[in-house]
Amino acid sequence: CRKGKAILDRKGIDYQAVEIFKYPLSRVELESLIPPSGINDLLSKRSKAFKDLGLANLTLSEDALLELMLKHPTLIKRPITKQGKNLLIGFKQELFEELE
């Protein structure tokens, strides 16, 4: 998240940072962040909760994954950057550099 913020700051792009651990997302907000490729691309497979909950070996419905993400926000891959219709999930420097 810090690297993404640094790029946005350097480029002079206004943004609103939302601290999801202080201000948890609602189900509707979380659903609005699901990319066209599906909820699995919003799931942080490197999080401690992912490992602790044994999610690697499970096949869960979108509804079940949403509920887990709401209970365990570390399961949400970050940063999430939304600009117009564009949605970036996770940090990819080259994509952040393309933002205007």
Protein backbone atom coordinates (compact mmCIF):
# COMPACT_ATOMS: atom_id res chain seq x y z
CA CYS A 1 0.00 0.00 0.00
CA ARG A 2 2.82 2.41 0.82
CA LYS A 3 4.43 1.93 -2.58
CA GLY A 4 1.12 2.59 -4.31
CA LYS A 5 0.50 5.71 -2.23
CA ALA A 6 4.00 6.97 -3.02
CA ILE A 7 3.37 6.63 -6.77
CA LEU A 8 -0.01 8.36 -6.53
CA ASP A 9 1.52 11.17 -4.46
CA ARG A 10 4.43 11.58 -6.89
CA LYS A 11 2.01 11.77 -9.83
CA GLY A 12 -0.24 14.24 -7.99
CA ILE A 13 -3.26 11.94 -8.15
CA ASP A 14 -5.89 12.60 -5.49
CA TYR A 15 -7.10 9.52 -3.66
CA GLN A 16 -9.04 8.51 -0.61
CA ALA A 17 -7.36 5.84 1.49
CA VAL A 18 -9.73 3.59 3.42
CA GLU A 19 -8.28 1.74 6.39
CA ILE A 20 -10.31 -1.46 6.27
CA PHE A 21 -9.05 -2.63 9.64
CA LYS A 22 -10.29 0.53 11.39
CA TYR A 23 -13.38 0.93 9.19
CA PRO A 24 -14.44 -2.51 7.98
CA LEU A 25 -16.11 -2.78 4.60
CA SER A 26 -19.79 -3.62 4.40
CA ARG A 27 -20.87 -6.61 2.37
CA VAL A 28 -22.16 -4.29 -0.37
CA GLU A 29 -18.83 -2.42 -0.48
CA LEU A 30 -16.89 -5.68 -0.63
CA GLU A 31 -19.14 -7.06 -3.37
CA SER A 32 -18.52 -3.90 -5.41
CA LEU A 33 -14.79 -4.74 -5.40
CA ILE A 34 -15.12 -8.21 -6.91
CA PRO A 35 -13.38 -8.06 -10.27
CA PRO A 36 -14.92 -9.48 -13.46
CA SER A 37 -12.42 -12.36 -13.16
CA GLY A 38 -14.07 -13.45 -9.90
CA ILE A 39 -13.74 -13.29 -6.14
CA ASN A 40 -10.62 -15.49 -6.06
CA ASP A 41 -8.62 -12.57 -7.48
CA LEU A 42 -9.67 -10.50 -4.45
CA LEU A 43 -8.54 -13.23 -2.03
CA SER A 44 -5.11 -12.83 -0.41
CA LYS A 45 -3.63 -16.29 -0.60
CA ARG A 46 -0.51 -15.11 1.26
CA SER A 47 -2.36 -13.95 4.38
CA LYS A 48 -1.93 -15.73 7.69
CA ALA A 49 -5.71 -16.18 7.91
CA PHE A 50 -5.74 -17.99 4.55
CA LYS A 51 -3.22 -20.49 5.90
CA ASP A 52 -4.74 -20.72 9.40
CA LEU A 53 -8.22 -21.40 8.00
CA GLY A 54 -6.90 -24.05 5.61
CA LEU A 55 -8.45 -22.34 2.60
CA ALA A 56 -5.92 -23.71 0.13
CA ASN A 57 -7.58 -27.12 0.29
CA LEU A 58 -11.19 -25.93 0.22
CA THR A 59 -13.59 -25.00 -2.53
CA LEU A 60 -15.97 -22.38 -1.17
CA SER A 61 -18.86 -20.51 -2.72
CA GLU A 62 -18.58 -16.79 -3.41
CA ASP A 63 -21.00 -16.18 -0.53
CA ALA A 64 -18.86 -18.20 1.90
CA LEU A 65 -15.70 -16.38 0.79
CA LEU A 66 -17.40 -13.00 1.22
CA GLU A 67 -18.42 -13.91 4.76
CA LEU A 68 -14.87 -15.02 5.59
CA MET A 69 -13.42 -11.81 4.13
CA LEU A 70 -15.81 -9.74 6.23
CA LYS A 71 -14.79 -11.63 9.39
CA HIS A 72 -11.08 -11.71 8.48
CA PRO A 73 -10.19 -8.58 6.46
CA THR A 74 -6.61 -9.80 6.04
CA LEU A 75 -8.09 -12.19 3.47
CA ILE A 76 -8.70 -9.18 1.21
CA LYS A 77 -5.82 -8.59 -1.18
CA ARG A 78 -4.52 -5.04 -0.88
CA PRO A 79 -4.15 -2.38 -2.04
CA ILE A 80 -7.37 -2.00 -3.97
CA THR A 81 -7.36 0.99 -6.27
CA LYS A 82 -10.51 2.08 -8.02
CA GLN A 83 -10.38 4.85 -10.61
CA GLY A 84 -13.53 5.26 -12.63
CA LYS A 85 -14.31 1.84 -14.06
CA ASN A 86 -10.72 0.64 -13.56
CA LEU A 87 -10.00 -1.64 -10.63
CA LEU A 88 -6.49 -2.64 -9.55
CA ILE A 89 -6.14 -5.36 -6.94
CA GLY A 90 -2.75 -5.80 -5.34
CA PHE A 91 0.34 -3.77 -6.09
CA LYS A 92 1.75 -3.92 -9.60
CA GLN A 93 4.11 -1.00 -10.10
CA GLU A 94 3.71 -0.84 -13.87
CA LEU A 95 -0.08 -0.55 -13.54
CA PHE A 96 0.19 2.15 -10.88
CA GLU A 97 2.55 4.07 -13.15
CA GLU A 98 -0.14 4.05 -15.87
CA LEU A 99 -2.74 5.75 -13.63
CA GLU A 100 -3.58 9.37 -14.41
